[in-house]
Amino acid sequence: MGDKLLFIRDVAERLGRIEAQISWMIHKGTAPKSAMIAGRRMFRESDVEAFIEAAFAEAS
């Protein structure tokens, strides 16, 4: 079995943002990797965690 799938609201909560900001990040290409599945935007939990880790790596 693969990663847990997250909705935009889940990602927004993890990143401390509102859903509209995540949507804007998707539009700009700066959001964690995602895909449309059954008509809904989904994120793999590992991609969101990698996004967070990369942000900390850049800050060092």
C-alpha atoms as a PDB file:
ATOM      1  CA  MET A   1       0.000   0.000   0.000  1.00  0.00           C
ATOM      2  CA  GLY A   2       1.213   3.513  -0.764  1.00  0.00           C
ATOM      3  CA  ASP A   3       1.235   6.825   1.035  1.00  0.00           C
ATOM      4  CA  LYS A   4      -1.758   8.342   2.710  1.00  0.00           C
ATOM      5  CA  LEU A   5      -3.478  10.782   0.334  1.00  0.00           C
ATOM      6  CA  LEU A   6      -4.196  14.294   1.565  1.00  0.00           C
ATOM      7  CA  PHE A   7      -6.720  16.894   0.418  1.00  0.00           C
ATOM      8  CA  ILE A   8      -5.933  20.594  -0.014  1.00  0.00           C
ATOM      9  CA  ARG A   9      -7.443  21.325   3.421  1.00  0.00           C
ATOM     10  CA  ASP A  10      -5.066  18.772   5.025  1.00  0.00           C
ATOM     11  CA  VAL A  11      -2.034  20.312   3.314  1.00  0.00           C
ATOM     12  CA  ALA A  12      -3.160  23.820   4.253  1.00  0.00           C
ATOM     13  CA  GLU A  13      -3.411  22.758   7.894  1.00  0.00           C
ATOM     14  CA  ARG A  14       0.057  21.169   7.868  1.00  0.00           C
ATOM     15  CA  LEU A  15       1.639  24.233   6.273  1.00  0.00           C
ATOM     16  CA  GLY A  16      -0.256  26.764   8.392  1.00  0.00           C
ATOM     17  CA  ARG A  17      -1.959  28.294   5.359  1.00  0.00           C
ATOM     18  CA  ILE A  18      -5.514  28.675   4.119  1.00  0.00           C
ATOM     19  CA  GLU A  19      -6.818  26.555   1.251  1.00  0.00           C
ATOM     20  CA  ALA A  20      -6.791  29.526  -1.139  1.00  0.00           C
ATOM     21  CA  GLN A  21      -3.056  29.978  -0.552  1.00  0.00           C
ATOM     22  CA  ILE A  22      -2.413  26.324  -1.400  1.00  0.00           C
ATOM     23  CA  SER A  23      -4.502  26.725  -4.563  1.00  0.00           C
ATOM     24  CA  TRP A  24      -2.422  29.767  -5.496  1.00  0.00           C
ATOM     25  CA  MET A  25       0.788  27.827  -4.822  1.00  0.00           C
ATOM     26  CA  ILE A  26      -0.468  25.081  -7.161  1.00  0.00           C
ATOM     27  CA  HIS A  27      -1.186  27.719  -9.826  1.00  0.00           C
ATOM     28  CA  LYS A  28       2.321  29.195  -9.427  1.00  0.00           C
ATOM     29  CA  GLY A  29       3.982  25.763  -9.365  1.00  0.00           C
ATOM     30  CA  THR A  30       5.399  26.212  -5.852  1.00  0.00           C
ATOM     31  CA  ALA A  31       3.167  23.720  -3.998  1.00  0.00           C
ATOM     32  CA  PRO A  32       4.078  20.153  -3.104  1.00  0.00           C
ATOM     33  CA  LYS A  33       3.596  17.678  -5.952  1.00  0.00           C
ATOM     34  CA  SER A  34      -0.084  16.802  -6.470  1.00  0.00           C
ATOM     35  CA  ALA A  35      -2.492  15.155  -8.895  1.00  0.00           C
ATOM     36  CA  MET A  36      -6.164  15.207  -9.796  1.00  0.00           C
ATOM     37  CA  ILE A  37      -7.735  11.939  -8.661  1.00  0.00           C
ATOM     38  CA  ALA A  38     -11.457  11.345  -9.168  1.00  0.00           C
ATOM     39  CA  GLY A  39     -11.913  15.069  -9.759  1.00  0.00           C
ATOM     40  CA  ARG A  40     -10.178  16.169  -6.539  1.00  0.00           C
ATOM     41  CA  ARG A  41      -6.688  17.556  -5.987  1.00  0.00           C
ATOM     42  CA  MET A  42      -4.706  15.051  -3.902  1.00  0.00           C
ATOM     43  CA  PHE A  43      -1.230  15.115  -2.370  1.00  0.00           C
ATOM     44  CA  ARG A  44       0.872  12.187  -1.206  1.00  0.00           C
ATOM     45  CA  GLU A  45       1.861  12.583   2.426  1.00  0.00           C
ATOM     46  CA  SER A  46       5.498  11.823   1.558  1.00  0.00           C
ATOM     47  CA  ASP A  47       5.546  14.648  -1.035  1.00  0.00           C
ATOM     48  CA  VAL A  48       4.256  17.129   1.541  1.00  0.00           C
ATOM     49  CA  GLU A  49       6.848  15.965   4.073  1.00  0.00           C
ATOM     50  CA  ALA A  50       9.602  16.259   1.429  1.00  0.00           C
ATOM     51  CA  PHE A  51       8.385  19.801   0.633  1.00  0.00           C
ATOM     52  CA  ILE A  52       8.712  20.746   4.320  1.00  0.00           C
ATOM     53  CA  GLU A  53      12.152  19.122   4.625  1.00  0.00           C
ATOM     54  CA  ALA A  54      13.373  20.938   1.490  1.00  0.00           C
ATOM     55  CA  ALA A  55      12.240  24.267   2.942  1.00  0.00           C
ATOM     56  CA  PHE A  56      14.288  23.627   6.093  1.00  0.00           C
ATOM     57  CA  ALA A  57      17.288  22.485   4.026  1.00  0.00           C
ATOM     58  CA  GLU A  58      17.197  25.746   2.038  1.00  0.00           C
ATOM     59  CA  ALA A  59      17.007  27.780   5.246  1.00  0.00           C
ATOM     60  CA  SER A  60      20.255  26.271   6.588  1.00  0.00           C
END
